[in-house]
Amino acid sequence: MMMPKSSDKIEKINDIISEMKKDGTMAKLYEKWLGAPPAADSVTVTPMPVPTSAD
């Protein structure tokens, strides 16, 4: 999800997405829409830190 890097919502949204990955919601959505389960080690199911840009 793209947001301005100064957004005060980045951490909260990342926390929600990470929780969806941990509880299996993201994997279920992936399989529903793409017809196959995601790879066990993919970023679809692995919580990640908020990305930063190289300035």
N, C-alpha and C. Protein backbone atom coordinates (compact mmCIF):
# COMPACT_ATOMS: atom_id res chain seq x y z
N MET A 1 0.85 -1.16 0.00
CA MET A 1 0.00 0.00 0.00
C MET A 1 0.90 1.23 0.00
N MET A 2 0.67 2.10 -0.92
CA MET A 2 1.48 3.30 -1.04
C MET A 2 0.87 4.42 -0.21
N MET A 3 1.74 5.14 0.49
CA MET A 3 1.32 6.29 1.30
C MET A 3 2.46 7.29 1.31
N PRO A 4 2.16 8.54 1.59
CA PRO A 4 3.25 9.50 1.76
C PRO A 4 4.12 9.04 2.93
N LYS A 5 5.43 9.17 2.79
CA LYS A 5 6.29 8.68 3.86
C LYS A 5 6.14 9.46 5.16
N SER A 6 5.51 10.61 5.11
CA SER A 6 5.27 11.39 6.32
C SER A 6 3.92 11.06 6.98
N SER A 7 3.18 10.10 6.42
CA SER A 7 1.85 9.78 6.96
C SER A 7 1.95 9.23 8.38
N ASP A 8 1.04 9.67 9.22
CA ASP A 8 0.99 9.18 10.59
C ASP A 8 0.26 7.83 10.68
N LYS A 9 -0.19 7.31 9.56
CA LYS A 9 -0.93 6.05 9.53
C LYS A 9 -0.08 4.85 9.11
N ILE A 10 1.14 5.07 8.70
CA ILE A 10 1.98 3.99 8.17
C ILE A 10 2.16 2.85 9.17
N GLU A 11 2.55 3.15 10.38
CA GLU A 11 2.80 2.10 11.37
C GLU A 11 1.53 1.32 11.68
N LYS A 12 0.41 2.00 11.85
CA LYS A 12 -0.85 1.33 12.16
C LYS A 12 -1.27 0.40 11.03
N ILE A 13 -1.18 0.87 9.80
CA ILE A 13 -1.55 0.04 8.65
C ILE A 13 -0.61 -1.15 8.54
N ASN A 14 0.68 -0.94 8.73
CA ASN A 14 1.63 -2.05 8.68
C ASN A 14 1.31 -3.07 9.77
N ASP A 15 0.94 -2.61 10.97
CA ASP A 15 0.57 -3.52 12.05
C ASP A 15 -0.65 -4.36 11.67
N ILE A 16 -1.63 -3.74 11.04
CA ILE A 16 -2.84 -4.46 10.63
C ILE A 16 -2.50 -5.50 9.56
N ILE A 17 -1.73 -5.12 8.58
CA ILE A 17 -1.33 -6.06 7.52
C ILE A 17 -0.51 -7.20 8.12
N SER A 18 0.40 -6.90 9.04
CA SER A 18 1.20 -7.94 9.69
C SER A 18 0.31 -8.91 10.46
N GLU A 19 -0.70 -8.40 11.14
CA GLU A 19 -1.63 -9.26 11.87
C GLU A 19 -2.41 -10.15 10.91
N MET A 20 -2.82 -9.60 9.77
CA MET A 20 -3.52 -10.40 8.76
C MET A 20 -2.63 -11.52 8.23
N LYS A 21 -1.34 -11.27 8.12
CA LYS A 21 -0.41 -12.31 7.70
C LYS A 21 -0.28 -13.37 8.78
N LYS A 22 -0.17 -12.96 10.02
CA LYS A 22 0.01 -13.90 11.14
C LYS A 22 -1.21 -14.78 11.36
N ASP A 23 -2.42 -14.20 11.24
CA ASP A 23 -3.62 -15.00 11.53
C ASP A 23 -4.16 -15.77 10.33
N GLY A 24 -3.48 -15.66 9.18
CA GLY A 24 -3.87 -16.44 8.00
C GLY A 24 -4.84 -15.75 7.07
N THR A 25 -5.32 -14.58 7.43
CA THR A 25 -6.28 -13.86 6.59
C THR A 25 -5.68 -13.55 5.22
N MET A 26 -4.44 -13.09 5.19
CA MET A 26 -3.81 -12.71 3.92
C MET A 26 -3.66 -13.93 3.00
N ALA A 27 -3.29 -15.08 3.56
CA ALA A 27 -3.14 -16.30 2.76
C ALA A 27 -4.49 -16.73 2.19
N LYS A 28 -5.57 -16.60 2.98
CA LYS A 28 -6.90 -16.96 2.50
C LYS A 28 -7.33 -16.06 1.36
N LEU A 29 -7.08 -14.76 1.49
CA LEU A 29 -7.43 -13.83 0.42
C LEU A 29 -6.62 -14.12 -0.85
N TYR A 30 -5.35 -14.40 -0.68
CA TYR A 30 -4.48 -14.72 -1.81
C TYR A 30 -5.03 -15.94 -2.55
N GLU A 31 -5.34 -16.99 -1.80
CA GLU A 31 -5.83 -18.21 -2.43
C GLU A 31 -7.19 -17.99 -3.09
N LYS A 32 -8.06 -17.23 -2.43
CA LYS A 32 -9.38 -16.95 -3.00
C LYS A 32 -9.26 -16.26 -4.36
N TRP A 33 -8.41 -15.24 -4.44
CA TRP A 33 -8.33 -14.44 -5.66
C TRP A 33 -7.35 -14.96 -6.69
N LEU A 34 -6.34 -15.71 -6.26
CA LEU A 34 -5.33 -16.19 -7.22
C LEU A 34 -5.41 -17.69 -7.47
N GLY A 35 -6.27 -18.39 -6.72
CA GLY A 35 -6.53 -19.79 -7.02
C GLY A 35 -5.51 -20.79 -6.51
N ALA A 36 -4.53 -20.35 -5.77
CA ALA A 36 -3.50 -21.25 -5.22
C ALA A 36 -2.98 -20.63 -3.93
N PRO A 37 -2.53 -21.46 -3.02
CA PRO A 37 -1.99 -20.89 -1.78
C PRO A 37 -0.65 -20.19 -2.03
N PRO A 38 -0.33 -19.18 -1.25
CA PRO A 38 0.96 -18.52 -1.40
C PRO A 38 2.08 -19.42 -0.89
N ALA A 39 3.29 -19.21 -1.40
CA ALA A 39 4.44 -19.95 -0.90
C ALA A 39 4.64 -19.63 0.57
N ALA A 40 5.02 -20.64 1.35
CA ALA A 40 5.15 -20.49 2.80
C ALA A 40 6.14 -19.40 3.21
N ASP A 41 7.14 -19.15 2.37
CA ASP A 41 8.16 -18.15 2.72
C ASP A 41 7.99 -16.83 1.96
N SER A 42 6.81 -16.62 1.36
CA SER A 42 6.59 -15.40 0.57
C SER A 42 6.25 -14.21 1.45
N VAL A 43 6.39 -13.02 0.90
CA VAL A 43 6.03 -11.81 1.64
C VAL A 43 4.52 -11.71 1.87
N THR A 44 3.76 -12.53 1.16
CA THR A 44 2.31 -12.56 1.38
C THR A 44 1.98 -13.05 2.78
N VAL A 45 2.82 -13.91 3.33
CA VAL A 45 2.53 -14.48 4.65
C VAL A 45 3.60 -14.15 5.69
N THR A 46 4.63 -13.43 5.30
CA THR A 46 5.72 -13.08 6.21
C THR A 46 5.63 -11.61 6.60
N PRO A 47 5.37 -11.30 7.87
CA PRO A 47 5.34 -9.89 8.29
C PRO A 47 6.70 -9.22 8.02
N MET A 48 6.64 -8.00 7.54
CA MET A 48 7.85 -7.25 7.18
C MET A 48 7.81 -5.87 7.84
N PRO A 49 8.99 -5.27 8.07
CA PRO A 49 9.00 -3.90 8.58
C PRO A 49 8.53 -2.92 7.51
N VAL A 50 8.17 -1.74 7.93
CA VAL A 50 7.78 -0.70 6.98
C VAL A 50 8.96 -0.40 6.08
N PRO A 51 8.79 -0.48 4.76
CA PRO A 51 9.90 -0.18 3.86
C PRO A 51 10.29 1.29 3.94
N THR A 52 11.54 1.55 3.70
CA THR A 52 12.02 2.93 3.65
C THR A 52 12.69 3.15 2.31
N SER A 53 12.72 4.37 1.88
CA SER A 53 13.37 4.69 0.61
C SER A 53 14.79 5.14 0.88
N ALA A 54 15.62 4.93 -0.10
CA ALA A 54 17.00 5.41 0.01
C ALA A 54 17.00 6.88 -0.43
N ASP A 55 17.34 7.77 0.48
CA ASP A 55 17.36 9.19 0.16
C ASP A 55 18.74 9.63 -0.27
